[in-house]
Amino acid sequence: MNINKVLLILIIVNVAFSIKGFSDRFFFDKYKFQIGAINRGDKIRMLTSAFLHVDYMHLILNMYVLYIFAPIIIVKLGVIKFLILYIGSLFAGNLLTLTYHKSELYYSAVGASGAVAGIIYGAILLNPEMRLMLFPLPIPIPGYIFGLGYLLYSIYGMKKQIGNIGHSAHLGGAIGGYALMLMVNPTIFLTSTTTVLLLGVPIVLLLLFGNKLKSL
C-alpha cells in the first residue's frame, strides 16, 4: 500500500513526539493530559497529549490501527475530511475525558486512541460490511457489530474503570468520528442507514443520561 504523505507525516509526528517523551520525563509531564493543569489554563495539553504514548507497544498499536483504517477515509473523502475527523475526534475524546473526570485533579492520560477511535468509526460508517478480527474470536465480524460492541464496552469500562485504559477518550473519540462523518459526508444517512441508527442509539442515550453514569 502506498501511504498517503499526510498520513505518513502524522505518524512521524506521533512517533517523534512519543520517543521524546519516553526519554524526557519533564517533556512528558509538561504535555500530557492532566485535569488539574488544564483547569488552571494549560489548554495546549488537550492537543499535545494525543501525540504522547506510554510506551512503544502503545505507540505501535495506535499507529498500526491508524495505518489500516485511515486510507479508507482518505481514498473516499480526501485528506481534508480525514484531518477534520482525526483532529475533531482527538478533541472530542479529550473533552469527554475532561468532563467525566473533572473532579479528579490528578487524573492524567496520553495517546492518540481518541483520534484513532474516531477514524475507526468513520471507516465503519463508510464500509459497514468490512470484516474485522477481534481477539479472541476466531472469525471476522462485520464492522457495525464491532462498532456497537466497542461503544458498549467503552461505556462499561468508564463505569468500572477497567485497566489502565482511557475508556472515556476512546468513547469520546468514537462519538466524534461518528458525528463528524455524518457532517462531512451526509450521504451516509442514505447509504448506511441501518448502521447510522444502530450506532446512534447508544450514543444518544449516553448524551442524555451520561451524567448519571458514575452514580449507577
Protein backbone atom coordinates (compact mmCIF):
# COMPACT_ATOMS: atom_id res chain seq x y z
CA MET A 1 0.00 0.00 0.00
CA ASN A 2 1.35 3.45 -0.95
CA ILE A 3 0.94 5.51 2.19
CA ASN A 4 -0.51 8.99 1.82
CA LYS A 5 2.02 11.76 2.56
CA VAL A 6 -0.21 13.50 5.12
CA LEU A 7 -0.86 10.22 6.92
CA LEU A 8 2.88 9.50 6.91
CA ILE A 9 3.65 12.93 8.39
CA LEU A 10 1.00 12.39 11.07
CA ILE A 11 2.53 9.05 12.03
CA ILE A 12 6.06 10.52 12.06
CA VAL A 13 4.96 13.37 14.36
CA ASN A 14 3.34 10.85 16.74
CA VAL A 15 6.48 8.72 16.76
CA ALA A 16 8.89 11.64 17.21
CA PHE A 17 6.83 13.28 19.97
CA SER A 18 6.36 9.98 21.79
CA ILE A 19 10.04 8.98 21.63
CA LYS A 20 10.96 12.39 23.05
CA GLY A 21 8.52 11.75 25.89
CA PHE A 22 9.97 8.28 26.57
CA SER A 23 13.40 9.75 27.35
CA ASP A 24 12.45 13.14 28.79
CA ARG A 25 10.18 12.97 31.80
CA PHE A 26 9.90 16.76 32.08
CA PHE A 27 8.70 16.96 28.46
CA PHE A 28 6.23 14.12 29.06
CA ASP A 29 4.79 15.70 32.21
CA LYS A 30 4.58 19.14 30.59
CA TYR A 31 2.46 17.99 27.65
CA LYS A 32 0.40 15.08 28.98
CA PHE A 33 -3.33 15.39 29.64
CA GLN A 34 -3.93 16.29 33.29
CA ILE A 35 -7.19 17.62 34.70
CA GLY A 36 -5.67 20.00 37.25
CA ALA A 37 -3.22 21.58 34.81
CA ILE A 38 -5.89 22.02 32.13
CA ASN A 39 -8.28 23.59 34.64
CA ARG A 40 -5.52 26.06 35.53
CA GLY A 41 -5.40 27.19 31.89
CA ASP A 42 -2.87 24.84 30.28
CA LYS A 43 -5.25 24.06 27.40
CA ILE A 44 -2.50 23.05 24.96
CA ARG A 45 -2.44 19.67 26.73
CA MET A 46 -5.80 18.92 25.10
CA LEU A 47 -3.84 18.65 21.83
CA THR A 48 -0.31 17.63 22.78
CA SER A 49 -1.33 14.70 24.98
CA ALA A 50 -2.65 12.92 21.87
CA PHE A 51 0.88 12.77 20.42
CA LEU A 52 2.43 11.20 23.52
CA HIS A 53 2.27 7.50 24.38
CA VAL A 54 3.02 5.43 27.47
CA ASP A 55 5.45 3.04 25.77
CA TYR A 56 6.42 1.58 22.39
CA MET A 57 3.64 -1.01 22.42
CA HIS A 58 1.02 1.69 22.99
CA LEU A 59 2.52 3.79 20.19
CA ILE A 60 2.87 0.93 17.71
CA LEU A 61 -0.67 -0.31 18.27
CA ASN A 62 -2.22 3.12 17.72
CA MET A 63 -0.12 3.87 14.63
CA TYR A 64 -0.79 0.44 13.14
CA VAL A 65 -4.57 0.82 13.56
CA LEU A 66 -4.36 4.33 12.09
CA TYR A 67 -2.34 2.99 9.13
CA ILE A 68 -5.00 0.32 8.48
CA PHE A 69 -8.15 2.46 8.75
CA ALA A 70 -7.09 5.95 7.62
CA PRO A 71 -6.71 5.05 3.91
CA ILE A 72 -10.38 4.02 3.75
CA ILE A 73 -11.36 7.59 4.58
CA ILE A 74 -8.59 9.31 2.62
CA VAL A 75 -9.35 7.42 -0.60
CA LYS A 76 -13.11 8.02 -0.42
CA LEU A 77 -13.28 11.52 1.09
CA GLY A 78 -9.84 13.09 0.71
CA VAL A 79 -7.17 14.36 3.07
CA ILE A 80 -9.00 17.44 4.36
CA LYS A 81 -12.01 15.49 5.60
CA PHE A 82 -9.70 12.86 7.07
CA LEU A 83 -7.90 15.56 9.07
CA ILE A 84 -11.23 17.02 10.20
CA LEU A 85 -12.20 13.58 11.54
CA TYR A 86 -8.80 12.94 13.15
CA ILE A 87 -8.41 16.30 14.89
CA GLY A 88 -12.09 16.60 15.76
CA SER A 89 -12.15 13.12 17.30
CA LEU A 90 -8.96 13.90 19.20
CA PHE A 91 -10.61 16.88 20.89
CA ALA A 92 -13.91 15.04 21.37
CA GLY A 93 -12.10 12.27 23.24
CA ASN A 94 -10.25 14.69 25.49
CA LEU A 95 -13.35 16.80 26.05
CA LEU A 96 -15.36 13.82 27.28
CA THR A 97 -12.42 12.80 29.48
CA LEU A 98 -12.22 16.31 30.92
CA THR A 99 -15.95 16.34 31.61
CA TYR A 100 -16.18 12.84 33.08
CA HIS A 101 -13.10 13.15 35.32
CA LYS A 102 -13.46 16.86 36.13
CA SER A 103 -13.27 16.34 39.90
CA GLU A 104 -10.15 14.12 39.69
CA LEU A 105 -7.48 16.81 39.55
CA TYR A 106 -4.58 14.36 39.27
CA TYR A 107 -6.18 12.26 36.52
CA SER A 108 -3.78 12.08 33.56
CA ALA A 109 -3.70 10.36 30.19
CA VAL A 110 -1.82 10.22 26.91
CA GLY A 111 -2.27 8.65 23.50
CA ALA A 112 -3.84 9.01 20.08
CA SER A 113 -6.56 6.48 20.93
CA GLY A 114 -9.41 9.03 20.83
CA ALA A 115 -8.41 10.26 17.39
CA VAL A 116 -7.87 6.70 16.15
CA ALA A 117 -11.24 5.60 17.53
CA GLY A 118 -12.87 8.39 15.50
CA ILE A 119 -11.12 7.18 12.35
CA ILE A 120 -12.27 3.61 13.01
CA TYR A 121 -15.86 4.76 13.35
CA GLY A 122 -15.65 6.92 10.26
CA ALA A 123 -14.33 3.93 8.30
CA ILE A 124 -17.09 1.67 9.64
CA LEU A 125 -19.77 4.15 8.54
CA LEU A 126 -18.22 4.26 5.07
CA ASN A 127 -17.99 0.49 4.87
CA PRO A 128 -20.29 -1.18 7.46
CA GLU A 129 -19.76 -4.65 6.00
CA MET A 130 -15.99 -4.62 6.43
CA ARG A 131 -14.77 -7.66 8.34
CA LEU A 132 -12.67 -7.20 11.47
CA MET A 133 -10.83 -9.75 13.56
CA LEU A 134 -11.37 -9.29 17.27
CA PHE A 135 -9.27 -11.39 19.65
CA PRO A 136 -10.13 -13.99 20.93
CA LEU A 137 -12.97 -14.57 18.43
CA PRO A 138 -11.74 -16.98 15.72
CA ILE A 139 -13.90 -15.48 12.95
CA PRO A 140 -14.11 -11.98 11.44
CA ILE A 141 -17.13 -9.91 12.45
CA PRO A 142 -18.94 -7.16 10.50
CA GLY A 143 -17.75 -3.62 11.18
CA TYR A 144 -21.10 -2.45 12.52
CA ILE A 145 -21.13 -5.24 15.13
CA PHE A 146 -17.60 -4.33 16.18
CA GLY A 147 -18.62 -0.67 16.41
CA LEU A 148 -21.61 -1.39 18.63
CA GLY A 149 -19.59 -3.70 20.88
CA TYR A 150 -16.81 -1.13 21.17
CA LEU A 151 -19.27 1.55 22.28
CA LEU A 152 -20.88 -0.65 24.90
CA TYR A 153 -17.54 -1.91 26.23
CA SER A 154 -16.18 1.64 26.48
CA ILE A 155 -19.24 2.77 28.44
CA TYR A 156 -18.85 -0.22 30.77
CA GLY A 157 -15.10 0.41 31.05
CA MET A 158 -15.70 4.04 32.04
CA LYS A 159 -18.09 2.99 34.77
CA LYS A 160 -15.91 0.20 36.16
CA GLN A 161 -12.52 1.88 35.49
CA ILE A 162 -11.24 -1.30 33.84
CA GLY A 163 -7.46 -1.44 33.45
CA ASN A 164 -5.08 1.44 32.83
CA ILE A 165 -7.08 2.49 29.75
CA GLY A 166 -8.61 5.82 28.82
CA HIS A 167 -12.10 4.49 28.07
CA SER A 168 -13.58 7.99 28.11
CA ALA A 169 -11.13 9.14 25.42
CA HIS A 170 -11.94 6.08 23.30
CA LEU A 171 -15.65 6.69 23.69
CA GLY A 172 -15.45 10.43 23.09
CA GLY A 173 -13.29 9.88 20.02
CA ALA A 174 -15.73 7.30 18.63
CA ILE A 175 -18.65 9.68 19.14
CA GLY A 176 -16.65 12.46 17.50
CA GLY A 177 -15.83 10.28 14.50
CA TYR A 178 -19.47 9.23 14.18
CA ALA A 179 -20.83 12.79 14.34
CA LEU A 180 -18.16 14.32 12.11
CA MET A 181 -18.55 11.65 9.45
CA LEU A 182 -22.26 12.45 9.25
CA MET A 183 -21.38 16.14 8.91
CA VAL A 184 -18.68 15.87 6.24
CA ASN A 185 -20.42 13.10 4.29
CA PRO A 186 -24.20 13.28 4.91
CA THR A 187 -24.92 10.75 2.14
CA ILE A 188 -24.02 8.18 4.82
CA PHE A 189 -27.59 8.65 6.08
CA LEU A 190 -28.78 7.05 2.83
CA THR A 191 -26.01 4.55 2.11
CA SER A 192 -25.57 3.18 5.66
CA THR A 193 -28.91 3.96 7.30
CA THR A 194 -29.06 0.83 9.47
CA THR A 195 -25.51 1.31 10.78
CA VAL A 196 -26.13 5.00 11.49
CA LEU A 197 -29.16 4.11 13.58
CA LEU A 198 -27.56 1.10 15.27
CA LEU A 199 -24.54 3.09 16.43
CA GLY A 200 -26.56 6.23 17.09
CA VAL A 201 -28.89 4.79 19.72
CA PRO A 202 -26.27 4.17 22.47
CA ILE A 203 -24.63 7.50 21.65
CA VAL A 204 -27.90 9.41 22.07
CA LEU A 205 -28.66 7.54 25.31
CA LEU A 206 -25.18 8.35 26.62
CA LEU A 207 -25.55 12.02 25.78
CA LEU A 208 -28.95 12.12 27.51
CA PHE A 209 -28.10 10.12 30.63
CA GLY A 210 -24.28 10.11 30.75
CA ASN A 211 -24.23 12.45 33.74
CA LYS A 212 -25.78 9.65 35.79
CA LEU A 213 -23.19 7.05 34.78
CA LYS A 214 -20.95 7.44 37.83
CA SER A 215 -23.86 7.14 40.23
CA LEU A 216 -25.18 3.86 38.81
